[in-house]
PDB file of N, CA and C in Angstrom:
ATOM      1  N   MET A   1      19.025  63.615 -18.494  1.00  0.00           N
ATOM      2  CA  MET A   1      19.161  62.212 -17.999  1.00  0.00           C
ATOM      3  C   MET A   1      21.046  62.176 -17.999  1.00  0.00           C
ATOM      4  N   GLU A   2      22.185  62.544 -17.735  1.00  0.00           N
ATOM      5  CA  GLU A   2      22.951  62.353 -18.040  1.00  0.00           C
ATOM      6  C   GLU A   2      23.828  62.337 -16.384  1.00  0.00           C
ATOM      7  N   THR A   3      23.804  60.859 -16.989  1.00  0.00           N
ATOM      8  CA  THR A   3      24.896  60.177 -15.406  1.00  0.00           C
ATOM      9  C   THR A   3      26.643  60.291 -15.805  1.00  0.00           C
ATOM     10  N   ASN A   4      26.698  59.995 -14.360  1.00  0.00           N
ATOM     11  CA  ASN A   4      28.376  60.273 -14.859  1.00  0.00           C
ATOM     12  C   ASN A   4      28.808  58.587 -14.877  1.00  0.00           C
ATOM     13  N   LEU A   5      29.442  58.024 -15.272  1.00  0.00           N
ATOM     14  CA  LEU A   5      29.540  56.368 -14.846  1.00  0.00           C
ATOM     15  C   LEU A   5      30.919  56.553 -14.149  1.00  0.00           C
ATOM     16  N   ILE A   6      31.530  57.310 -13.921  1.00  0.00           N
ATOM     17  CA  ILE A   6      33.115  57.193 -13.344  1.00  0.00           C
ATOM     18  C   ILE A   6      32.481  57.832 -12.311  1.00  0.00           C
ATOM     19  N   ALA A   7      31.664  58.550 -11.852  1.00  0.00           N
ATOM     20  CA  ALA A   7      31.584  58.688 -10.677  1.00  0.00           C
ATOM     21  C   ALA A   7      30.213  57.671 -10.201  1.00  0.00           C
ATOM     22  N   GLU A   8      29.792  57.212 -10.658  1.00  0.00           N
ATOM     23  CA  GLU A   8      29.077  56.076 -10.353  1.00  0.00           C
ATOM     24  C   GLU A   8      29.129  54.770 -10.056  1.00  0.00           C
ATOM     25  N   ALA A   9      30.405  54.532 -10.583  1.00  0.00           N
ATOM     26  CA  ALA A   9      31.410  53.215 -10.259  1.00  0.00           C
ATOM     27  C   ALA A   9      31.888  53.145  -9.435  1.00  0.00           C
ATOM     28  N   ALA A  10      32.417  54.417  -9.332  1.00  0.00           N
ATOM     29  CA  ALA A  10      33.522  54.890  -7.715  1.00  0.00           C
ATOM     30  C   ALA A  10      32.571  54.980  -6.835  1.00  0.00           C
ATOM     31  N   LYS A  11      31.419  55.163  -6.846  1.00  0.00           N
ATOM     32  CA  LYS A  11      30.716  55.111  -5.644  1.00  0.00           C
ATOM     33  C   LYS A  11      30.634  53.666  -5.605  1.00  0.00           C
ATOM     34  N   PHE A  12      30.753  53.057  -6.316  1.00  0.00           N
ATOM     35  CA  PHE A  12      30.163  51.342  -6.168  1.00  0.00           C
ATOM     36  C   PHE A  12      31.021  50.552  -5.075  1.00  0.00           C
ATOM     37  N   MET A  13      32.445  50.706  -6.231  1.00  0.00           N
ATOM     38  CA  MET A  13      33.706  50.169  -5.745  1.00  0.00           C
ATOM     39  C   MET A  13      33.608  50.562  -4.428  1.00  0.00           C
ATOM     40  N   LEU A  14      33.390  52.380  -3.733  1.00  0.00           N
ATOM     41  CA  LEU A  14      33.746  52.656  -2.943  1.00  0.00           C
ATOM     42  C   LEU A  14      33.004  52.113  -1.735  1.00  0.00           C
ATOM     43  N   LEU A  15      31.619  51.961  -1.751  1.00  0.00           N
ATOM     44  CA  LEU A  15      30.925  51.008  -1.163  1.00  0.00           C
ATOM     45  C   LEU A  15      30.422  49.584  -0.923  1.00  0.00           C
ATOM     46  N   GLY A  16      31.320  48.765  -2.070  1.00  0.00           N
ATOM     47  CA  GLY A  16      32.157  47.620  -1.995  1.00  0.00           C
ATOM     48  C   GLY A  16      32.872  46.923  -1.210  1.00  0.00           C
ATOM     49  N   MET A  17      34.116  47.928  -1.859  1.00  0.00           N
ATOM     50  CA  MET A  17      34.972  47.459  -0.516  1.00  0.00           C
ATOM     51  C   MET A  17      34.792  48.118   0.749  1.00  0.00           C
ATOM     52  N   GLY A  18      33.455  49.227   1.764  1.00  0.00           N
ATOM     53  CA  GLY A  18      33.353  49.035   2.868  1.00  0.00           C
ATOM     54  C   GLY A  18      32.826  48.346   3.371  1.00  0.00           C
ATOM     55  N   ILE A  19      31.930  47.962   2.264  1.00  0.00           N
ATOM     56  CA  ILE A  19      30.974  46.108   3.069  1.00  0.00           C
ATOM     57  C   ILE A  19      32.386  45.474   3.253  1.00  0.00           C
ATOM     58  N   VAL A  20      33.458  45.299   2.581  1.00  0.00           N
ATOM     59  CA  VAL A  20      34.181  44.147   2.837  1.00  0.00           C
ATOM     60  C   VAL A  20      35.014  44.309   3.808  1.00  0.00           C
ATOM     61  N   PHE A  21      35.397  45.452   3.781  1.00  0.00           N
ATOM     62  CA  PHE A  21      36.227  46.031   5.168  1.00  0.00           C
ATOM     63  C   PHE A  21      35.012  46.293   6.036  1.00  0.00           C
ATOM     64  N   LEU A  22      33.926  46.735   6.623  1.00  0.00           N
ATOM     65  CA  LEU A  22      33.929  46.763   7.067  1.00  0.00           C
ATOM     66  C   LEU A  22      33.335  44.214   8.153  1.00  0.00           C
ATOM     67  N   PHE A  23      32.607  43.738   6.724  1.00  0.00           N
ATOM     68  CA  PHE A  23      33.043  42.559   7.185  1.00  0.00           C
ATOM     69  C   PHE A  23      34.149  42.038   7.590  1.00  0.00           C
ATOM     70  N   LEU A  24      35.422  42.650   7.440  1.00  0.00           N
ATOM     71  CA  LEU A  24      36.515  41.750   7.962  1.00  0.00           C
ATOM     72  C   LEU A  24      36.459  42.323   9.437  1.00  0.00           C
ATOM     73  N   ILE A  25      36.096  43.377   9.747  1.00  0.00           N
ATOM     74  CA  ILE A  25      37.121  44.233  11.197  1.00  0.00           C
ATOM     75  C   ILE A  25      35.769  43.271  11.819  1.00  0.00           C
ATOM     76  N   ILE A  26      34.605  43.192  11.382  1.00  0.00           N
ATOM     77  CA  ILE A  26      33.725  42.594  12.432  1.00  0.00           C
ATOM     78  C   ILE A  26      33.851  40.925  12.953  1.00  0.00           C
ATOM     79  N   MET A  27      34.433  39.871  11.417  1.00  0.00           N
ATOM     80  CA  MET A  27      34.708  38.354  11.053  1.00  0.00           C
ATOM     81  C   MET A  27      36.053  38.770  12.454  1.00  0.00           C
ATOM     82  N   ILE A  28      37.072  39.860  12.830  1.00  0.00           N
ATOM     83  CA  ILE A  28      38.188  40.106  13.897  1.00  0.00           C
ATOM     84  C   ILE A  28      38.056  40.387  14.959  1.00  0.00           C
ATOM     85  N   LEU A  29      36.525  40.847  14.958  1.00  0.00           N
ATOM     86  CA  LEU A  29      36.121  40.650  16.363  1.00  0.00           C
ATOM     87  C   LEU A  29      35.970  39.786  17.238  1.00  0.00           C
ATOM     88  N   VAL A  30      34.972  39.397  15.874  1.00  0.00           N
ATOM     89  CA  VAL A  30      34.055  38.402  16.700  1.00  0.00           C
ATOM     90  C   VAL A  30      35.136  36.876  17.202  1.00  0.00           C
ATOM     91  N   LEU A  31      36.470  36.840  15.942  1.00  0.00           N
ATOM     92  CA  LEU A  31      37.132  35.423  16.404  1.00  0.00           C
ATOM     93  C   LEU A  31      38.196  36.069  17.353  1.00  0.00           C
ATOM     94  N   LYS A  32      38.066  37.621  18.048  1.00  0.00           N
ATOM     95  CA  LYS A  32      38.893  37.166  19.471  1.00  0.00           C
ATOM     96  C   LYS A  32      37.921  36.892  20.355  1.00  0.00           C
ATOM     97  N   VAL A  33      36.872  37.348  20.567  1.00  0.00           N
ATOM     98  CA  VAL A  33      35.609  37.292  21.122  1.00  0.00           C
ATOM     99  C   VAL A  33      35.112  35.120  21.283  1.00  0.00           C
ATOM    100  N   GLN A  34      34.839  35.174  20.210  1.00  0.00           N
ATOM    101  CA  GLN A  34      35.468  33.607  20.153  1.00  0.00           C
ATOM    102  C   GLN A  34      36.539  32.670  21.230  1.00  0.00           C
ATOM    103  N   ALA A  35      37.969  32.903  21.061  1.00  0.00           N
ATOM    104  CA  ALA A  35      38.786  32.788  21.816  1.00  0.00           C
ATOM    105  C   ALA A  35      38.498  33.306  23.625  1.00  0.00           C
ATOM    106  N   LYS A  36      38.693  34.425  23.020  1.00  0.00           N
ATOM    107  CA  LYS A  36      38.434  34.647  25.101  1.00  0.00           C
ATOM    108  C   LYS A  36      37.393  33.702  25.662  1.00  0.00           C
ATOM    109  N   ILE A  37      36.443  33.261  25.195  1.00  0.00           N
ATOM    110  CA  ILE A  37      35.315  32.496  25.354  1.00  0.00           C
ATOM    111  C   ILE A  37      36.039  31.246  25.587  1.00  0.00           C
ATOM    112  N   ILE A  38      36.346  30.713  24.577  1.00  0.00           N
ATOM    113  CA  ILE A  38      37.017  29.502  24.600  1.00  0.00           C
ATOM    114  C   ILE A  38      38.092  29.372  25.735  1.00  0.00           C
ATOM    115  N   GLY A  39      38.850  30.197  25.160  1.00  0.00           N
ATOM    116  CA  GLY A  39      40.014  30.123  26.245  1.00  0.00           C
ATOM    117  C   GLY A  39      39.987  30.211  28.012  1.00  0.00           C
ATOM    118  N   LYS A  40      38.132  30.700  27.601  1.00  0.00           N
ATOM    119  CA  LYS A  40      37.611  30.657  29.607  1.00  0.00           C
ATOM    120  C   LYS A  40      37.576  29.680  30.225  1.00  0.00           C
ATOM    121  N   TYR A  41      36.602  28.837  28.898  1.00  0.00           N
ATOM    122  CA  TYR A  41      35.745  27.575  29.664  1.00  0.00           C
ATOM    123  C   TYR A  41      36.575  26.323  29.445  1.00  0.00           C
ATOM    124  N   PHE A  42      37.811  25.912  28.460  1.00  0.00           N
ATOM    125  CA  PHE A  42      37.895  25.275  28.011  1.00  0.00           C
ATOM    126  C   PHE A  42      39.683  25.227  27.996  1.00  0.00           C
ATOM    127  N   PRO A  43      40.301  25.608  28.943  1.00  0.00           N
ATOM    128  CA  PRO A  43      41.686  26.429  28.952  1.00  0.00           C
ATOM    129  C   PRO A  43      42.574  24.658  28.857  1.00  0.00           C
ATOM    130  N   GLU A  44      43.768  25.104  28.171  1.00  0.00           N
ATOM    131  CA  GLU A  44      44.973  24.114  27.940  1.00  0.00           C
ATOM    132  C   GLU A  44      45.390  23.750  29.280  1.00  0.00           C
ATOM    133  N   LYS A  45      46.043  22.599  29.014  1.00  0.00           N
ATOM    134  CA  LYS A  45      46.224  20.996  30.619  1.00  0.00           C
ATOM    135  C   LYS A  45      48.007  21.247  29.528  1.00  0.00           C
ATOM    136  N   LYS A  46      48.419  21.670  30.591  1.00  0.00           N
ATOM    137  CA  LYS A  46      49.845  21.892  31.182  1.00  0.00           C
ATOM    138  C   LYS A  46      50.845  19.901  31.028  1.00  0.00           C
ATOM    139  N   VAL A  47      51.015  19.956  29.681  1.00  0.00           N
ATOM    140  CA  VAL A  47      51.737  18.484  29.743  1.00  0.00           C
ATOM    141  C   VAL A  47      52.559  19.092  29.865  1.00  0.00           C
ATOM    142  N   SER A  48      53.541  18.026  30.283  1.00  0.00           N
ATOM    143  CA  SER A  48      54.918  17.867  31.314  1.00  0.00           C
ATOM    144  C   SER A  48      56.152  17.347  29.616  1.00  0.00           C
ATOM    145  N   PRO A  49      56.718  17.516  29.100  1.00  0.00           N
ATOM    146  CA  PRO A  49      57.531  16.331  28.046  1.00  0.00           C
ATOM    147  C   PRO A  49      58.419  15.346  28.707  1.00  0.00           C
ATOM    148  N   VAL A  50      58.292  14.404  27.881  1.00  0.00           N
ATOM    149  CA  VAL A  50      58.716  13.370  28.269  1.00  0.00           C
ATOM    150  C   VAL A  50      59.899  12.879  27.849  1.00  0.00           C
ATOM    151  N   LYS A  51      61.332  13.195  28.341  1.00  0.00           N
ATOM    152  CA  LYS A  51      62.541  13.128  28.114  1.00  0.00           C
ATOM    153  C   LYS A  51      62.748  11.710  27.532  1.00  0.00           C
ATOM    154  N   ALA A  52      63.196  11.952  26.957  1.00  0.00           N
ATOM    155  CA  ALA A  52      63.929  11.027  26.284  1.00  0.00           C
ATOM    156  C   ALA A  52      65.127  11.040  26.005  1.00  0.00           C
ATOM    157  N   THR A  53      65.973   9.458  26.380  1.00  0.00           N
ATOM    158  CA  THR A  53      67.690  10.046  26.524  1.00  0.00           C
ATOM    159  C   THR A  53      67.888   9.862  24.964  1.00  0.00           C
ATOM    160  N   LYS A  54      69.222  10.536  25.171  1.00  0.00           N
ATOM    161  CA  LYS A  54      70.198  10.974  23.564  1.00  0.00           C
ATOM    162  C   LYS A  54      70.382   9.729  23.025  1.00  0.00           C
ATOM    163  N   ALA A  55      71.066   8.653  24.067  1.00  0.00           N
ATOM    164  CA  ALA A  55      71.719   7.822  23.159  1.00  0.00           C
ATOM    165  C   ALA A  55      70.023   6.384  22.688  1.00  0.00           C
ATOM    166  N   SER A  56      68.839   6.397  23.018  1.00  0.00           N
ATOM    167  CA  SER A  56      68.245   5.272  22.837  1.00  0.00           C
ATOM    168  C   SER A  56      67.867   6.508  21.344  1.00  0.00           C
ATOM    169  N   ASP A  57      67.520   7.741  21.128  1.00  0.00           N
ATOM    170  CA  ASP A  57      66.686   8.750  20.070  1.00  0.00           C
ATOM    171  C   ASP A  57      67.946   8.272  19.333  1.00  0.00           C
ATOM    172  N   ASN A  58      69.739   8.164  19.085  1.00  0.00           N
ATOM    173  CA  ASN A  58      70.146   8.287  18.598  1.00  0.00           C
ATOM    174  C   ASN A  58      69.936   6.443  17.973  1.00  0.00           C
ATOM    175  N   THR A  59      70.033   5.816  18.998  1.00  0.00           N
ATOM    176  CA  THR A  59      70.446   4.151  18.575  1.00  0.00           C
ATOM    177  C   THR A  59      68.669   4.095  17.803  1.00  0.00           C
ATOM    178  N   ALA A  60      67.953   4.199  18.109  1.00  0.00           N
ATOM    179  CA  ALA A  60      66.951   4.319  17.077  1.00  0.00           C
ATOM    180  C   ALA A  60      66.726   4.990  15.166  1.00  0.00           C
ATOM    181  N   LYS A  61      67.161   6.516  15.985  1.00  0.00           N
ATOM    182  CA  LYS A  61      67.772   7.314  14.598  1.00  0.00           C
ATOM    183  C   LYS A  61      68.840   6.370  13.571  1.00  0.00           C
ATOM    184  N   MET A  62      69.846   5.422  14.006  1.00  0.00           N
ATOM    185  CA  MET A  62      70.795   4.330  13.091  1.00  0.00           C
ATOM    186  C   MET A  62      69.912   3.519  12.908  1.00  0.00           C
ATOM    187  N   ALA A  63      69.060   2.414  13.392  1.00  0.00           N
ATOM    188  CA  ALA A  63      68.821   1.817  13.279  1.00  0.00           C
ATOM    189  C   ALA A  63      67.332   1.446  11.828  1.00  0.00           C
ATOM    190  N   ALA A  64      67.366   3.154  12.242  1.00  0.00           N
ATOM    191  CA  ALA A  64      66.313   2.813  11.284  1.00  0.00           C
ATOM    192  C   ALA A  64      66.916   3.279   9.664  1.00  0.00           C
ATOM    193  N   ILE A  65      67.928   4.042   9.912  1.00  0.00           N
ATOM    194  CA  ILE A  65      68.832   4.264   8.580  1.00  0.00           C
ATOM    195  C   ILE A  65      69.234   2.990   7.758  1.00  0.00           C
ATOM    196  N   VAL A  66      70.000   2.306   8.616  1.00  0.00           N
ATOM    197  CA  VAL A  66      70.428   0.647   8.775  1.00  0.00           C
ATOM    198  C   VAL A  66      69.222   0.534   7.729  1.00  0.00           C
ATOM    199  N   ALA A  67      68.096   0.137   8.002  1.00  0.00           N
ATOM    200  CA  ALA A  67      67.798  -0.056   7.949  1.00  0.00           C
ATOM    201  C   ALA A  67      66.904  -0.401   6.325  1.00  0.00           C
ATOM    202  N   ALA A  68      67.020   1.060   5.833  1.00  0.00           N
ATOM    203  CA  ALA A  68      67.015   1.794   4.606  1.00  0.00           C
ATOM    204  C   ALA A  68      67.387   1.658   3.652  1.00  0.00           C
ATOM    205  N   VAL A  69      68.643   1.619   4.092  1.00  0.00           N
ATOM    206  CA  VAL A  69      69.828   1.319   3.038  1.00  0.00           C
ATOM    207  C   VAL A  69      69.393  -0.585   2.695  1.00  0.00           C
ATOM    208  N   GLN A  70      69.819  -1.065   4.154  1.00  0.00           N
ATOM    209  CA  GLN A  70      69.819  -2.641   3.490  1.00  0.00           C
ATOM    210  C   GLN A  70      68.030  -2.435   2.613  1.00  0.00           C
ATOM    211  N   HIS A  71      66.960  -1.767   2.542  1.00  0.00           N
ATOM    212  CA  HIS A  71      66.242  -2.243   2.105  1.00  0.00           C
ATOM    213  C   HIS A  71      66.114  -2.002   0.877  1.00  0.00           C
ATOM    214  N   HIS A  72      66.635  -0.614   0.199  1.00  0.00           N
ATOM    215  CA  HIS A  72      67.138  -0.215  -1.194  1.00  0.00           C
ATOM    216  C   HIS A  72      68.332  -1.042  -1.717  1.00  0.00           C
ATOM    217  N   LYS A  73      68.925  -1.728  -0.820  1.00  0.00           N
ATOM    218  CA  LYS A  73      69.915  -2.495  -1.679  1.00  0.00           C
ATOM    219  C   LYS A  73      69.151  -3.330  -2.174  1.00  0.00           C
ATOM    220  N   ASN A  74      68.199  -4.009  -1.169  1.00  0.00           N
ATOM    221  CA  ASN A  74      67.261  -5.639  -1.651  1.00  0.00           C
ATOM    222  C   ASN A  74      66.558  -4.698  -3.297  1.00  0.00           C
ATOM    223  N   LEU A  75      66.147  -4.435  -2.968  1.00  0.00           N
ATOM    224  CA  LEU A  75      65.401  -4.403  -3.704  1.00  0.00           C
ATOM    225  C   LEU A  75      65.918  -3.601  -5.347  1.00  0.00           C
ATOM    226  N   LYS A  76      67.866  -3.575  -5.424  1.00  0.00           N
ATOM    227  CA  LYS A  76      67.890  -2.812  -6.592  1.00  0.00           C
ATOM    228  C   LYS A  76      68.818  -4.310  -6.839  1.00  0.00           C
ATOM    229  N   GLY A  77      69.068  -5.155  -6.012  1.00  0.00           N
ATOM    230  CA  GLY A  77      69.737  -6.479  -6.498  1.00  0.00           C
ATOM    231  C   GLY A  77      70.924  -7.331  -6.458  1.00  0.00           C
TER     232      GLY A  77
END
Protein backbone atom coordinates (compact mmCIF):
# COMPACT_ATOMS: atom_id res chain seq x y z
CA MET A 1 0.00 0.00 0.00
CA GLU A 2 2.72 2.38 -0.91
CA THR A 3 1.57 5.59 -2.55
CA ASN A 4 3.75 8.10 -4.22
CA LEU A 5 2.85 11.32 -2.46
CA ILE A 6 4.61 13.54 -5.00
CA ALA A 7 2.68 11.95 -7.88
CA GLU A 8 -0.62 12.38 -6.05
CA ALA A 9 0.23 15.99 -5.18
CA ALA A 10 1.04 16.68 -8.84
CA LYS A 11 -2.29 15.12 -9.89
CA PHE A 12 -4.21 17.27 -7.42
CA MET A 13 -2.28 20.36 -8.48
CA LEU A 14 -3.00 19.76 -12.17
CA LEU A 15 -6.64 19.00 -11.43
CA GLY A 16 -7.04 22.18 -9.38
CA MET A 17 -5.23 24.37 -11.89
CA GLY A 18 -7.24 22.83 -14.72
CA ILE A 19 -10.53 23.56 -12.99
CA VAL A 20 -9.52 27.17 -12.31
CA PHE A 21 -8.36 27.61 -15.91
CA LEU A 22 -11.60 26.11 -17.23
CA PHE A 23 -13.64 28.39 -14.97
CA LEU A 24 -11.76 31.47 -16.20
CA ILE A 25 -12.25 30.50 -19.86
CA ILE A 26 -15.98 29.96 -19.30
CA MET A 27 -16.25 33.26 -17.42
CA ILE A 28 -14.55 35.15 -20.28
CA LEU A 29 -16.89 33.57 -22.84
CA VAL A 30 -19.97 34.38 -20.75
CA LEU A 31 -18.85 38.01 -20.31
CA LYS A 32 -18.29 38.38 -24.07
CA VAL A 33 -21.75 36.99 -24.82
CA GLN A 34 -23.23 39.26 -22.16
CA ALA A 35 -21.51 42.30 -23.69
CA LYS A 36 -22.92 41.45 -27.12
CA ILE A 37 -26.44 41.00 -25.73
CA ILE A 38 -26.29 44.27 -23.77
CA GLY A 39 -24.84 46.09 -26.80
CA LYS A 40 -27.66 44.77 -28.98
CA TYR A 41 -30.57 45.67 -26.71
CA PHE A 42 -29.11 48.75 -25.00
CA PRO A 43 -26.96 50.60 -27.52
CA GLU A 44 -24.98 53.63 -26.38
CA LYS A 45 -26.54 56.95 -27.25
CA LYS A 46 -24.27 59.38 -29.01
CA VAL A 47 -24.21 62.65 -27.10
CA SER A 48 -22.63 65.69 -28.64
CA PRO A 49 -20.27 67.33 -26.17
CA VAL A 50 -21.04 70.85 -25.07
CA LYS A 51 -18.34 73.17 -26.29
CA ALA A 52 -17.22 75.67 -23.70
CA THR A 53 -15.37 78.74 -24.78
CA LYS A 54 -11.78 78.96 -23.63
CA ALA A 55 -12.19 82.44 -22.22
CA SER A 56 -15.01 81.50 -19.85
CA ASP A 57 -13.23 78.29 -18.89
CA ASN A 58 -10.00 80.12 -18.06
CA THR A 59 -11.88 82.85 -16.22
CA ALA A 60 -13.64 80.31 -14.03
CA LYS A 61 -10.34 78.57 -13.25
CA MET A 62 -8.65 81.86 -12.41
CA ALA A 63 -11.52 82.88 -10.12
CA ALA A 64 -11.34 79.55 -8.29
CA ILE A 65 -7.58 79.88 -7.80
CA VAL A 66 -7.86 83.44 -6.48
CA ALA A 67 -10.65 82.44 -4.10
CA ALA A 68 -8.62 79.48 -2.81
CA VAL A 69 -5.53 81.63 -2.19
CA GLN A 70 -7.58 84.30 -0.39
CA HIS A 71 -9.28 81.66 1.75
CA HIS A 72 -5.91 80.16 2.68
CA LYS A 73 -4.52 83.59 3.62
CA ASN A 74 -7.58 84.32 5.78
CA LEU A 75 -7.15 81.03 7.65
CA LYS A 76 -3.53 81.83 8.48
CA GLY A 77 -4.41 85.17 9.93
